[in-house]
Amino acid sequence: MEYVNEQDLYSYDFDQLGDTRAPLKQLAELGKDDLELARVVRLDRGLPLVVSPSGTYRAEPSNTLVKRMKTNALLRPAVGDWVALEHPEGHETSVIEAIVPRTSSFTRKDPGEETSEQVILANVDVVFVVTALGDEPVNIARLERKLVLAFESGARPIIVLTKGDRCDEVDDQLERVRTIAGDVPVIVTSALTGEGTRELHELVPPQTTAAMIGSSGVGKSTLINCLLGDERLATKEVRQSDDKGRHTTVAREIVHIPEGGILIDTPGMRAVALWRAEEGLAKTYPEISKAMEQCRFANCTHQSEPQCGVKDALESGQIDPDRFDRYIKLRQELDELNEKREEKRWAATESRPHGRGSQAHRIAKAKQNRRRHNKKYR
C-alpha cells in the first residue's frame, strides 16, 4: 500500500485549534503528561485525523481504549476531542491513549442502536442551529428538537436562517422563529448577498470552537465557504423539483476561519433522536418548565390533576397549545427511551445473577467491606 502523507493532504496549525491550557492540565491529571496533546480534526471512513504540535496524523485508539469503548460508546473519539497521543516506534499509525474529559458534547441516540448514545461533536463553545428559508414555512418542530440537543450539549446555541435571498417572506418567517427562540439569537444569512456573514464571524473569535448542525442541503457548507473566503468545501445546487439541497458533506471536519476561531462542518443529520435531554428541554421550553413548578403534584401529567400550573398557563394563554403538544411528544420520546434503557439494564442483571448490580454482588460487596473494617480495627 502506498503511504500518503496526511500533512500533504490537510493543512492545520495546532496553535489555531484552541486554548490548550485546560487540556494540558487535564492531561497531567490523567497521568498522561508524558504524551503529546492532540486534537481530533476530522472523522471520515478512515482512522481519526489528529493534529499535534509535531504534525498531522492518522491515529487509532489504543487496545485499552478499544476494550473500554465496547462497554462505553462515549469513549469513541469525536471531532473536537483533545487526546493523549503516542507515536510508538515501528508502528504504522499514531495511537490515542486517552481522551481528555470534555467540556461540552453534542450527543444523540445512535441511529444504529436502540439504547446507545453517540457523541457527534466535543468541546464546542457555540452551536449554529441551521435551517433554510424558502417557499415552505420553517419546520418549527424540527428546529425545537435541534435546540434541545444544542442546549443539552453545554454549548451556546445560535439559530441561523440561511438562503434569505430565496424567501419572499423573510420578516414573517423571522418572527415565527423568534416566538420559539426565547433568548437565543436568530441570524438571517444569504450566501448570495453576504448578509449575516459578518455577524457569524464575530461570534467565532480566535480560540473559539463553533459547529454547524442542520439537515442536508440547508446551506451549511456554502455558508462556511463564505466565512472562509474561498470554495474549500464542496457544494451542490438545490433541486428544482422541491427546492431542497442535496447532501454534500461526508465527514465531520474542523476548518479555521481567517482571523477567527475554528468551525466544525457536519454531514446533514437525517436522524436526530434525543438521548438524555432534561436540561435541554427545560431551556428550550422555559415557560413550560416554569409552569410545572406550580403543579401541586411532582408527577403531574397535566391532564386531570387539580392545581396544575401547566393547565392554568394554557388556559391563560401563557403557553401556546401547539408548542405544548410538541413538548409532550419530545417528553414521551425521552420517557420511552428511559424505559428501554432500564429494561436493558435489568435484562443484563438477570442474565448475570452474580454480576455488578445484582443482589448477590451487593451481598458479596458488603461482606468484603465488613472484612476490611474488622481487619483495620482489630
Protein backbone atom coordinates (compact mmCIF):
# COMPACT_ATOMS: atom_id res chain seq x y z
CA MET A 1 0.00 0.00 0.00
CA GLU A 2 1.36 3.41 -0.97
CA TYR A 3 1.86 5.69 2.02
CA VAL A 4 0.08 9.05 1.84
CA ASN A 5 1.45 11.89 3.93
CA GLU A 6 -1.53 13.39 5.78
CA GLN A 7 0.33 16.70 6.14
CA ASP A 8 0.33 16.98 2.36
CA LEU A 9 -3.44 16.42 2.19
CA TYR A 10 -4.54 18.53 5.18
CA SER A 11 -3.04 21.75 6.46
CA TYR A 12 -3.59 22.61 10.13
CA ASP A 13 -1.84 24.91 12.57
CA PHE A 14 -2.02 23.42 16.07
CA ASP A 15 -1.85 26.86 17.69
CA GLN A 16 -5.14 27.80 15.95
CA LEU A 17 -7.06 24.80 17.29
CA GLY A 18 -8.00 26.29 20.64
CA ASP A 19 -6.71 27.22 24.08
CA THR A 20 -4.56 24.31 25.28
CA ARG A 21 -4.09 25.38 28.91
CA ALA A 22 -7.04 23.44 30.34
CA PRO A 23 -6.46 20.29 28.20
CA LEU A 24 -2.78 20.19 29.20
CA LYS A 25 -3.75 20.45 32.86
CA GLN A 26 -6.28 17.63 32.46
CA LEU A 27 -3.68 15.56 30.64
CA ALA A 28 -1.41 15.87 33.67
CA GLU A 29 -4.28 14.89 35.98
CA LEU A 30 -4.76 11.74 33.88
CA GLY A 31 -1.09 10.92 34.37
CA LYS A 32 -0.51 11.24 30.62
CA ASP A 33 1.58 14.42 30.59
CA ASP A 34 4.48 12.45 29.10
CA LEU A 35 2.38 12.04 25.92
CA GLU A 36 1.64 14.63 23.24
CA LEU A 37 -1.57 16.65 23.33
CA ALA A 38 -3.51 16.50 20.05
CA ARG A 39 -6.95 17.42 18.77
CA VAL A 40 -9.24 15.34 16.56
CA VAL A 41 -9.90 17.47 13.46
CA ARG A 42 -11.61 15.07 11.06
CA LEU A 43 -13.66 11.87 11.14
CA ASP A 44 -14.37 10.05 7.89
CA ARG A 45 -14.33 6.39 6.89
CA GLY A 46 -10.69 6.03 7.93
CA LEU A 47 -8.98 6.45 11.27
CA PRO A 48 -9.44 9.76 13.11
CA LEU A 49 -7.23 12.57 11.82
CA VAL A 50 -5.47 14.35 14.68
CA VAL A 51 -3.20 17.37 14.89
CA SER A 52 -0.46 17.87 17.49
CA PRO A 53 2.44 20.32 17.79
CA SER A 54 4.61 17.87 15.84
CA GLY A 55 2.25 17.36 12.89
CA THR A 56 -0.90 15.82 11.41
CA TYR A 57 -1.51 12.09 11.80
CA ARG A 58 -3.99 9.26 11.39
CA ALA A 59 -4.38 7.71 14.83
CA GLU A 60 -6.02 4.57 16.16
CA PRO A 61 -7.36 4.06 19.69
CA SER A 62 -5.11 2.01 21.96
CA ASN A 63 -6.06 -1.58 22.81
CA THR A 64 -7.09 -0.45 26.29
CA LEU A 65 -9.30 2.28 24.89
CA VAL A 66 -10.87 -0.11 22.36
CA LYS A 67 -11.82 -2.52 25.16
CA ARG A 68 -13.42 0.28 27.15
CA MET A 69 -15.26 1.54 24.06
CA LYS A 70 -17.10 -1.79 23.81
CA THR A 71 -18.99 -1.03 27.00
CA ASN A 72 -18.96 2.77 26.81
CA ALA A 73 -19.66 4.34 23.42
CA LEU A 74 -18.85 7.79 24.85
CA LEU A 75 -15.17 6.86 24.76
CA ARG A 76 -15.12 6.82 20.97
CA PRO A 77 -13.10 9.77 19.64
CA ALA A 78 -15.19 12.62 18.24
CA VAL A 79 -14.26 15.69 16.24
CA GLY A 80 -13.19 18.38 18.70
CA ASP A 81 -11.78 15.93 21.25
CA TRP A 82 -8.44 16.65 22.90
CA VAL A 83 -6.50 13.39 23.18
CA ALA A 84 -3.26 11.97 24.57
CA LEU A 85 -1.20 10.88 21.56
CA GLU A 86 1.69 8.44 21.36
CA HIS A 87 3.96 7.63 18.41
CA PRO A 88 5.15 4.03 19.01
CA GLU A 89 8.38 3.19 17.24
CA GLY A 90 7.82 0.82 14.34
CA HIS A 91 4.04 1.36 14.43
CA GLU A 92 2.38 2.43 11.18
CA THR A 93 -0.03 4.86 12.87
CA SER A 94 -0.04 7.03 15.95
CA VAL A 95 -2.05 5.82 18.95
CA ILE A 96 -4.71 7.61 21.02
CA GLU A 97 -4.05 6.54 24.60
CA ALA A 98 -6.79 8.60 26.28
CA ILE A 99 -9.48 11.19 25.65
CA VAL A 100 -9.27 14.34 27.75
CA PRO A 101 -12.55 14.95 29.67
CA ARG A 102 -14.91 17.02 27.52
CA THR A 103 -16.15 20.47 28.48
CA SER A 104 -19.19 20.01 26.23
CA SER A 105 -20.50 17.29 23.94
CA PHE A 106 -23.20 17.20 21.30
CA THR A 107 -24.84 13.79 21.57
CA ARG A 108 -27.83 11.93 20.17
CA LYS A 109 -29.24 8.42 20.28
CA ASP A 110 -27.17 6.24 17.98
CA PRO A 111 -29.32 5.68 14.85
CA GLY A 112 -27.97 2.13 14.56
CA GLU A 113 -28.64 1.14 18.18
CA GLU A 114 -31.79 1.01 20.26
CA THR A 115 -30.31 2.19 23.55
CA SER A 116 -26.87 3.64 22.83
CA GLU A 117 -25.57 7.20 22.91
CA GLN A 118 -23.44 8.69 20.13
CA VAL A 119 -21.13 11.69 20.52
CA ILE A 120 -21.24 13.88 17.41
CA LEU A 121 -19.02 16.79 18.48
CA ALA A 122 -16.92 17.64 21.51
CA ASN A 123 -15.58 20.74 23.27
CA VAL A 124 -17.73 23.15 21.27
CA ASP A 125 -18.35 26.69 22.54
CA VAL A 126 -21.02 27.82 20.03
CA VAL A 127 -23.54 25.71 18.10
CA PHE A 128 -25.13 27.22 15.00
CA VAL A 129 -28.51 25.54 14.51
CA VAL A 130 -29.00 25.96 10.78
CA THR A 131 -32.25 25.79 8.80
CA ALA A 132 -33.09 27.15 5.36
CA LEU A 133 -35.68 29.71 4.31
CA GLY A 134 -37.71 29.10 1.16
CA ASP A 135 -41.20 28.72 -0.21
CA GLU A 136 -42.22 26.41 2.65
CA PRO A 137 -42.50 27.67 6.26
CA VAL A 138 -39.68 26.78 8.64
CA ASN A 139 -40.29 23.43 10.32
CA ILE A 140 -40.65 24.65 13.91
CA ALA A 141 -40.87 21.16 15.43
CA ARG A 142 -37.57 20.12 13.85
CA LEU A 143 -35.96 23.38 14.91
CA GLU A 144 -37.07 22.95 18.53
CA ARG A 145 -35.71 19.38 18.58
CA LYS A 146 -32.28 20.61 17.49
CA LEU A 147 -32.41 23.42 20.04
CA VAL A 148 -32.97 20.81 22.75
CA LEU A 149 -29.85 18.94 21.60
CA ALA A 150 -27.85 22.16 21.34
CA PHE A 151 -28.78 23.30 24.85
CA GLU A 152 -28.08 19.83 26.24
CA SER A 153 -24.57 19.90 24.74
CA GLY A 154 -23.46 22.70 27.04
CA ALA A 155 -22.57 24.99 24.14
CA ARG A 156 -24.25 28.32 23.34
CA PRO A 157 -26.92 27.88 20.61
CA ILE A 158 -27.45 30.38 17.79
CA ILE A 159 -30.25 29.94 15.22
CA VAL A 160 -29.11 30.61 11.66
CA LEU A 161 -31.65 31.01 8.85
CA THR A 162 -29.90 30.55 5.51
CA LYS A 163 -30.93 31.39 1.93
CA GLY A 164 -32.61 34.64 2.91
CA ASP A 165 -32.45 35.74 -0.74
CA ARG A 166 -34.71 32.82 -1.76
CA CYS A 167 -37.59 33.75 0.57
CA ASP A 168 -40.22 36.39 -0.17
CA GLU A 169 -41.50 36.44 3.42
CA VAL A 170 -38.30 36.73 5.45
CA ASP A 171 -39.80 39.04 8.09
CA ASP A 172 -42.77 36.73 8.67
CA GLN A 173 -40.56 33.66 8.98
CA LEU A 174 -38.14 35.51 11.25
CA GLU A 175 -40.96 36.50 13.57
CA ARG A 176 -42.24 32.91 13.59
CA VAL A 177 -38.86 31.59 14.64
CA ARG A 178 -38.36 34.26 17.27
CA THR A 179 -41.58 33.21 19.03
CA ILE A 180 -39.91 29.90 19.94
CA ALA A 181 -36.29 31.09 20.20
CA GLY A 182 -36.56 32.83 23.57
CA ASP A 183 -33.18 34.38 24.38
CA VAL A 184 -31.42 32.51 21.56
CA PRO A 185 -30.16 34.95 18.89
CA VAL A 186 -31.58 34.47 15.37
CA ILE A 187 -29.47 35.49 12.37
CA VAL A 188 -30.68 35.61 8.75
CA THR A 189 -27.94 34.90 6.19
CA SER A 190 -27.51 34.80 2.44
CA ALA A 191 -24.50 33.35 0.66
CA LEU A 192 -25.53 35.33 -2.43
CA THR A 193 -25.55 38.77 -0.81
CA GLY A 194 -23.26 38.09 2.16
CA GLU A 195 -26.00 39.05 4.65
CA GLY A 196 -25.29 37.85 8.19
CA THR A 197 -21.76 36.61 7.42
CA ARG A 198 -20.09 39.34 9.45
CA GLU A 199 -22.31 38.62 12.47
CA LEU A 200 -21.38 34.92 12.34
CA HIS A 201 -17.69 35.75 12.04
CA GLU A 202 -17.84 37.93 15.15
CA LEU A 203 -19.34 35.00 17.09
CA VAL A 204 -16.28 32.85 16.37
CA PRO A 205 -13.28 34.87 17.61
CA PRO A 206 -9.81 33.27 17.94
CA GLN A 207 -9.57 30.32 20.37
CA THR A 208 -13.32 29.64 19.95
CA THR A 209 -14.75 26.36 18.63
CA ALA A 210 -18.06 26.57 16.78
CA ALA A 211 -20.11 23.96 14.94
CA MET A 212 -22.95 23.95 12.43
CA ILE A 213 -25.73 21.40 12.64
CA GLY A 214 -28.68 21.03 10.33
CA SER A 215 -30.38 18.84 7.77
CA SER A 216 -28.86 18.05 4.39
CA GLY A 217 -28.97 20.89 1.90
CA VAL A 218 -29.70 23.78 4.26
CA GLY A 219 -26.53 25.52 3.07
CA LYS A 220 -24.02 24.82 5.85
CA SER A 221 -21.05 24.22 3.54
CA THR A 222 -21.91 27.22 1.37
CA LEU A 223 -22.10 29.41 4.47
CA ILE A 224 -18.77 28.12 5.75
CA ASN A 225 -17.20 28.89 2.37
CA CYS A 226 -18.41 32.48 2.81
CA LEU A 227 -16.72 32.65 6.20
CA LEU A 228 -13.53 31.14 4.78
CA GLY A 229 -13.49 33.42 1.78
CA ASP A 230 -12.97 30.56 -0.68
CA GLU A 231 -14.65 27.43 -2.08
CA ARG A 232 -12.88 24.95 0.18
CA LEU A 233 -15.95 22.82 0.90
CA ALA A 234 -17.87 21.15 -1.93
CA THR A 235 -21.44 22.31 -2.55
CA LYS A 236 -24.29 21.35 -4.87
CA GLU A 237 -27.20 23.21 -6.37
CA VAL A 238 -30.68 22.73 -4.94
CA ARG A 239 -33.14 20.50 -6.80
CA GLN A 240 -35.57 22.44 -8.92
CA SER A 241 -38.38 19.96 -8.20
CA ASP A 242 -38.63 20.67 -4.47
CA ASP A 243 -36.11 23.47 -3.81
CA LYS A 244 -34.20 21.14 -1.49
CA GLY A 245 -30.43 20.94 -1.29
CA ARG A 246 -28.55 17.70 -1.80
CA HIS A 247 -26.23 16.07 0.72
CA THR A 248 -22.63 17.20 0.14
CA THR A 249 -20.56 16.95 3.33
CA VAL A 250 -19.44 13.37 4.00
CA ALA A 251 -17.16 13.89 7.02
CA ARG A 252 -17.07 15.90 10.21
CA GLU A 253 -14.16 18.27 9.83
CA ILE A 254 -12.61 21.28 11.53
CA VAL A 255 -11.82 24.34 9.42
CA HIS A 256 -10.05 27.53 10.50
CA ILE A 257 -11.78 30.85 9.92
CA PRO A 258 -9.36 33.61 8.85
CA GLU A 259 -8.74 36.00 11.77
CA GLY A 260 -11.10 33.91 13.88
CA GLY A 261 -11.56 30.59 15.61
CA ILE A 262 -12.39 27.18 14.22
CA LEU A 263 -15.65 25.75 12.92
CA ILE A 264 -16.82 22.15 12.54
CA ASP A 265 -18.79 21.23 9.44
CA THR A 266 -21.05 18.20 9.88
CA PRO A 267 -22.96 16.00 7.43
CA GLY A 268 -26.70 16.62 7.35
CA MET A 269 -28.34 14.57 10.08
CA ARG A 270 -31.30 12.54 8.85
CA ALA A 271 -31.95 11.09 12.31
CA VAL A 272 -31.82 13.42 15.32
CA ALA A 273 -33.12 11.22 18.11
CA LEU A 274 -32.87 12.57 21.65
CA TRP A 275 -30.86 10.87 24.35
CA ARG A 276 -30.72 12.42 27.83
CA ALA A 277 -32.14 15.89 27.38
CA GLU A 278 -33.76 17.08 30.61
CA GLU A 279 -31.77 20.31 30.73
CA GLY A 280 -32.19 20.86 27.00
CA LEU A 281 -35.98 20.52 27.29
CA ALA A 282 -36.12 22.92 30.21
CA LYS A 283 -34.10 25.59 28.37
CA THR A 284 -35.93 25.17 25.06
CA TYR A 285 -39.37 25.36 26.71
CA PRO A 286 -38.72 27.67 29.71
CA GLU A 287 -42.35 28.80 30.02
CA ILE A 288 -43.50 25.18 30.37
CA SER A 289 -40.77 24.35 32.88
CA LYS A 290 -41.73 27.42 34.93
CA ALA A 291 -45.42 26.48 34.88
CA MET A 292 -44.60 22.92 36.01
CA GLU A 293 -43.09 24.33 39.19
CA GLN A 294 -46.61 25.46 40.17
CA CYS A 295 -48.10 21.97 39.85
CA ARG A 296 -49.32 20.52 43.13
CA PHE A 297 -48.02 17.02 42.35
CA ALA A 298 -44.42 16.27 41.32
CA ASN A 299 -45.60 13.56 38.92
CA CYS A 300 -48.38 15.67 37.42
CA THR A 301 -49.38 14.58 33.91
CA HIS A 302 -51.09 17.95 33.24
CA GLN A 303 -54.31 16.18 32.32
CA SER A 304 -56.87 15.85 35.12
CA GLU A 305 -54.90 16.66 38.27
CA PRO A 306 -56.08 19.56 40.44
CA GLN A 307 -53.92 22.66 40.91
CA CYS A 308 -51.94 22.07 37.73
CA GLY A 309 -49.72 25.01 36.85
CA VAL A 310 -49.44 23.94 33.20
CA LYS A 311 -53.22 23.75 32.69
CA ASP A 312 -53.58 27.18 34.25
CA ALA A 313 -50.88 28.58 31.95
CA LEU A 314 -52.56 27.00 28.92
CA GLU A 315 -55.94 28.48 29.85
CA SER A 316 -54.47 31.95 30.42
CA GLY A 317 -52.56 31.89 27.13
CA GLN A 318 -49.10 31.89 28.72
CA ILE A 319 -48.32 28.61 26.92
CA ASP A 320 -49.11 28.06 23.25
CA PRO A 321 -51.11 24.80 22.86
CA ASP A 322 -49.28 23.73 19.70
CA ARG A 323 -45.94 24.31 21.36
CA PHE A 324 -47.07 22.30 24.38
CA ASP A 325 -48.08 19.42 22.09
CA ARG A 326 -44.59 19.42 20.57
CA TYR A 327 -43.10 19.43 24.06
CA ILE A 328 -45.24 16.43 25.07
CA LYS A 329 -44.08 14.45 22.02
CA LEU A 330 -40.43 15.03 22.91
CA ARG A 331 -41.14 14.24 26.56
CA GLN A 332 -42.81 10.95 25.60
CA GLU A 333 -39.88 10.07 23.33
CA LEU A 334 -37.47 10.55 26.22
CA ASP A 335 -39.66 8.56 28.61
CA GLU A 336 -39.85 5.64 26.17
CA LEU A 337 -36.08 5.67 25.74
CA ASN A 338 -35.60 5.73 29.52
CA GLU A 339 -37.86 2.68 29.83
CA LYS A 340 -35.86 0.81 27.17
CA ARG A 341 -32.60 1.65 28.91
CA GLU A 342 -33.99 0.42 32.22
CA GLU A 343 -35.26 -2.79 30.60
CA LYS A 344 -31.83 -3.37 29.07
CA ARG A 345 -30.13 -2.79 32.41
CA TRP A 346 -32.41 -5.24 34.21
CA ALA A 347 -32.05 -7.80 31.44
CA ALA A 348 -28.28 -7.63 31.80
CA THR A 349 -28.57 -8.07 35.57
CA GLU A 350 -30.93 -11.05 35.22
CA SER A 351 -28.65 -12.74 32.69
CA ARG A 352 -25.72 -12.29 35.08
CA PRO A 353 -27.15 -13.19 38.50
CA HIS A 354 -23.78 -12.62 40.15
CA GLY A 355 -22.82 -9.54 38.10
CA ARG A 356 -22.46 -5.95 39.24
CA GLY A 357 -25.79 -4.60 40.48
CA SER A 358 -27.28 -7.99 41.34
CA GLN A 359 -28.32 -8.93 44.86
CA ALA A 360 -25.53 -11.50 45.05
CA HIS A 361 -23.00 -8.84 44.10
CA ARG A 362 -24.30 -6.43 46.74
CA ILE A 363 -24.11 -9.11 49.45
CA ALA A 364 -20.57 -10.05 48.43
CA LYS A 365 -19.55 -6.42 48.43
CA ALA A 366 -20.99 -5.88 51.92
CA LYS A 367 -19.08 -8.93 53.25
CA GLN A 368 -15.88 -7.64 51.68
CA ASN A 369 -16.31 -4.21 53.28
CA ARG A 370 -17.02 -5.82 56.66
CA ARG A 371 -13.85 -7.93 56.45
CA ARG A 372 -11.79 -4.83 55.58
CA HIS A 373 -13.32 -2.93 58.51
CA ASN A 374 -12.65 -5.74 61.00
CA LYS A 375 -9.07 -6.15 59.75
CA LYS A 376 -8.41 -2.44 60.05
CA TYR A 377 -9.67 -2.10 63.62
CA ARG A 378 -8.50 -5.38 65.10
